[in-house]
Amino acid sequence: MRDNYDFSNSIKNPYIEKVKQQITIPVDEETLGYFKSLSAQNGIPYQNLIHLYLRDCAQQQKQLSIEM
């Protein structure tokens, strides 16, 4: 290894602002089963599918309608 490195021409990481924060949320078995079946069909981990769905909802500013 070198004693010193020159970082004067380095570029800031463009993905630094897209760091994900890990959380824990309760999800019922039916909902989790739905995303796991989508995962099996598409070959995408179910956690990524849930993230993509939530991000899409946020970007479109979808409003939740609760019917009782």
N, C-alpha and C. Protein backbone atom coordinates (compact mmCIF):
# COMPACT_ATOMS: atom_id res chain seq x y z
N MET A 1 0.83 -1.18 0.00
CA MET A 1 0.00 0.00 0.00
C MET A 1 0.88 1.25 0.00
N ARG A 2 0.32 2.29 -0.55
CA ARG A 2 1.03 3.57 -0.57
C ARG A 2 0.92 4.26 0.77
N ASP A 3 1.85 5.13 1.03
CA ASP A 3 1.79 5.94 2.25
C ASP A 3 0.74 7.04 2.11
N ASN A 4 0.57 7.59 0.89
CA ASN A 4 -0.38 8.67 0.64
C ASN A 4 -1.14 8.40 -0.66
N TYR A 5 -2.37 8.82 -0.69
CA TYR A 5 -3.19 8.72 -1.89
C TYR A 5 -3.68 10.10 -2.28
N ASP A 6 -3.84 10.32 -3.59
CA ASP A 6 -4.29 11.62 -4.10
C ASP A 6 -5.77 11.52 -4.46
N PHE A 7 -6.63 12.17 -3.69
CA PHE A 7 -8.07 12.17 -3.94
C PHE A 7 -8.54 13.51 -4.52
N SER A 8 -7.63 14.31 -5.03
CA SER A 8 -8.00 15.64 -5.52
C SER A 8 -8.91 15.57 -6.75
N ASN A 9 -8.87 14.49 -7.52
CA ASN A 9 -9.72 14.35 -8.70
C ASN A 9 -10.89 13.40 -8.47
N SER A 10 -11.17 13.11 -7.22
CA SER A 10 -12.25 12.16 -6.92
C SER A 10 -13.62 12.80 -7.15
N ILE A 11 -14.61 11.95 -7.32
CA ILE A 11 -15.99 12.39 -7.56
C ILE A 11 -16.85 11.93 -6.39
N LYS A 12 -17.72 12.81 -5.92
CA LYS A 12 -18.62 12.48 -4.82
C LYS A 12 -19.56 11.35 -5.24
N ASN A 13 -19.83 10.43 -4.35
CA ASN A 13 -20.72 9.31 -4.62
C ASN A 13 -22.13 9.83 -4.93
N PRO A 14 -22.66 9.58 -6.15
CA PRO A 14 -23.99 10.09 -6.50
C PRO A 14 -25.12 9.36 -5.79
N TYR A 15 -24.85 8.21 -5.17
CA TYR A 15 -25.89 7.41 -4.54
C TYR A 15 -25.97 7.64 -3.04
N ILE A 16 -25.16 8.53 -2.50
CA ILE A 16 -25.10 8.75 -1.06
C ILE A 16 -26.45 9.18 -0.50
N GLU A 17 -27.24 9.93 -1.25
CA GLU A 17 -28.54 10.39 -0.77
C GLU A 17 -29.61 9.32 -0.86
N LYS A 18 -29.33 8.21 -1.53
CA LYS A 18 -30.32 7.16 -1.71
C LYS A 18 -30.11 6.00 -0.74
N VAL A 19 -29.45 6.27 0.37
CA VAL A 19 -29.23 5.23 1.36
C VAL A 19 -30.57 4.85 1.98
N LYS A 20 -30.81 3.54 2.09
CA LYS A 20 -32.07 3.07 2.64
C LYS A 20 -31.94 2.92 4.15
N GLN A 21 -33.05 3.13 4.83
CA GLN A 21 -33.09 2.96 6.27
C GLN A 21 -33.88 1.69 6.57
N GLN A 22 -33.29 0.80 7.32
CA GLN A 22 -33.96 -0.44 7.67
C GLN A 22 -34.97 -0.19 8.77
N ILE A 23 -36.19 -0.72 8.58
CA ILE A 23 -37.25 -0.60 9.58
C ILE A 23 -37.89 -1.96 9.78
N THR A 24 -38.67 -2.07 10.82
CA THR A 24 -39.44 -3.29 11.07
C THR A 24 -40.90 -2.90 11.14
N ILE A 25 -41.73 -3.57 10.33
CA ILE A 25 -43.17 -3.31 10.36
C ILE A 25 -43.91 -4.64 10.41
N PRO A 26 -45.04 -4.69 11.10
CA PRO A 26 -45.84 -5.91 11.10
C PRO A 26 -46.64 -6.00 9.79
N VAL A 27 -46.56 -7.14 9.14
CA VAL A 27 -47.29 -7.38 7.89
C VAL A 27 -48.05 -8.70 8.05
N ASP A 28 -49.35 -8.69 7.76
CA ASP A 28 -50.11 -9.92 7.93
C ASP A 28 -49.70 -10.97 6.88
N GLU A 29 -50.00 -12.22 7.17
CA GLU A 29 -49.55 -13.33 6.32
C GLU A 29 -50.11 -13.25 4.91
N GLU A 30 -51.35 -12.79 4.76
CA GLU A 30 -51.96 -12.69 3.43
C GLU A 30 -51.22 -11.69 2.55
N THR A 31 -50.90 -10.53 3.13
CA THR A 31 -50.18 -9.50 2.38
C THR A 31 -48.77 -9.95 2.04
N LEU A 32 -48.10 -10.55 3.00
CA LEU A 32 -46.75 -11.04 2.76
C LEU A 32 -46.77 -12.16 1.71
N GLY A 33 -47.77 -13.03 1.79
CA GLY A 33 -47.91 -14.10 0.79
C GLY A 33 -48.08 -13.55 -0.61
N TYR A 34 -48.85 -12.45 -0.72
CA TYR A 34 -49.05 -11.81 -2.02
C TYR A 34 -47.73 -11.35 -2.62
N PHE A 35 -46.92 -10.64 -1.82
CA PHE A 35 -45.65 -10.15 -2.32
C PHE A 35 -44.66 -11.29 -2.57
N LYS A 36 -44.72 -12.33 -1.77
CA LYS A 36 -43.84 -13.48 -1.99
C LYS A 36 -44.21 -14.22 -3.28
N SER A 37 -45.50 -14.30 -3.61
CA SER A 37 -45.89 -14.93 -4.87
C SER A 37 -45.47 -14.08 -6.06
N LEU A 38 -45.58 -12.75 -5.94
CA LEU A 38 -45.08 -11.86 -6.99
C LEU A 38 -43.57 -12.03 -7.14
N SER A 39 -42.91 -12.21 -6.03
CA SER A 39 -41.46 -12.40 -6.03
C SER A 39 -41.08 -13.65 -6.81
N ALA A 40 -41.80 -14.73 -6.57
CA ALA A 40 -41.52 -15.99 -7.27
C ALA A 40 -41.77 -15.85 -8.77
N GLN A 41 -42.80 -15.11 -9.15
CA GLN A 41 -43.13 -14.91 -10.57
C GLN A 41 -42.11 -14.06 -11.29
N ASN A 42 -41.59 -13.04 -10.60
CA ASN A 42 -40.73 -12.05 -11.25
C ASN A 42 -39.25 -12.22 -10.96
N GLY A 43 -38.92 -13.04 -9.99
CA GLY A 43 -37.51 -13.22 -9.64
C GLY A 43 -36.89 -12.03 -8.93
N ILE A 44 -37.74 -11.23 -8.28
CA ILE A 44 -37.29 -10.07 -7.52
C ILE A 44 -37.58 -10.35 -6.05
N PRO A 45 -36.64 -10.11 -5.14
CA PRO A 45 -36.91 -10.35 -3.72
C PRO A 45 -38.15 -9.59 -3.26
N TYR A 46 -38.96 -10.24 -2.41
CA TYR A 46 -40.22 -9.62 -1.99
C TYR A 46 -40.00 -8.30 -1.25
N GLN A 47 -38.88 -8.17 -0.54
CA GLN A 47 -38.60 -6.91 0.15
C GLN A 47 -38.44 -5.77 -0.86
N ASN A 48 -37.80 -6.06 -1.98
CA ASN A 48 -37.63 -5.05 -3.04
C ASN A 48 -38.98 -4.69 -3.64
N LEU A 49 -39.85 -5.67 -3.83
CA LEU A 49 -41.18 -5.39 -4.39
C LEU A 49 -41.98 -4.49 -3.45
N ILE A 50 -41.93 -4.77 -2.15
CA ILE A 50 -42.64 -3.92 -1.19
C ILE A 50 -42.07 -2.50 -1.25
N HIS A 51 -40.74 -2.39 -1.31
CA HIS A 51 -40.11 -1.06 -1.40
C HIS A 51 -40.56 -0.33 -2.66
N LEU A 52 -40.56 -1.03 -3.80
CA LEU A 52 -40.96 -0.40 -5.06
C LEU A 52 -42.42 0.06 -5.01
N TYR A 53 -43.28 -0.75 -4.41
CA TYR A 53 -44.70 -0.38 -4.29
C TYR A 53 -44.87 0.85 -3.41
N LEU A 54 -44.20 0.86 -2.27
CA LEU A 54 -44.31 2.02 -1.37
C LEU A 54 -43.74 3.28 -2.01
N ARG A 55 -42.63 3.14 -2.71
CA ARG A 55 -42.04 4.31 -3.39
C ARG A 55 -42.99 4.84 -4.46
N ASP A 56 -43.63 3.93 -5.22
CA ASP A 56 -44.59 4.34 -6.24
C ASP A 56 -45.76 5.09 -5.61
N CYS A 57 -46.26 4.59 -4.48
CA CYS A 57 -47.36 5.28 -3.78
C CYS A 57 -46.93 6.67 -3.35
N ALA A 58 -45.72 6.79 -2.83
CA ALA A 58 -45.23 8.09 -2.36
C ALA A 58 -45.05 9.06 -3.53
N GLN A 59 -44.48 8.58 -4.64
CA GLN A 59 -44.24 9.46 -5.78
C GLN A 59 -45.55 9.95 -6.39
N GLN A 60 -46.56 9.09 -6.40
CA GLN A 60 -47.85 9.47 -6.97
C GLN A 60 -48.76 10.13 -5.93
N GLN A 61 -48.28 10.24 -4.72
CA GLN A 61 -49.03 10.82 -3.60
C GLN A 61 -50.41 10.20 -3.48
N LYS A 62 -50.44 8.87 -3.53
CA LYS A 62 -51.71 8.15 -3.42
C LYS A 62 -52.29 8.36 -2.03
N GLN A 63 -53.59 8.53 -1.97
CA GLN A 63 -54.29 8.69 -0.71
C GLN A 63 -54.96 7.37 -0.35
N LEU A 64 -54.87 6.98 0.88
CA LEU A 64 -55.48 5.75 1.36
C LEU A 64 -56.95 5.97 1.65
N SER A 65 -57.78 5.08 1.15
CA SER A 65 -59.20 5.15 1.47
C SER A 65 -59.55 3.94 2.32
N ILE A 66 -60.01 4.19 3.52
CA ILE A 66 -60.36 3.12 4.45
C ILE A 66 -61.87 3.00 4.49
N GLU A 67 -62.33 1.82 4.11
CA GLU A 67 -63.77 1.56 4.12
C GLU A 67 -64.07 0.53 5.21
N MET A 68 -65.06 0.85 6.04
CA MET A 68 -65.42 -0.07 7.12
C MET A 68 -66.80 -0.58 6.92
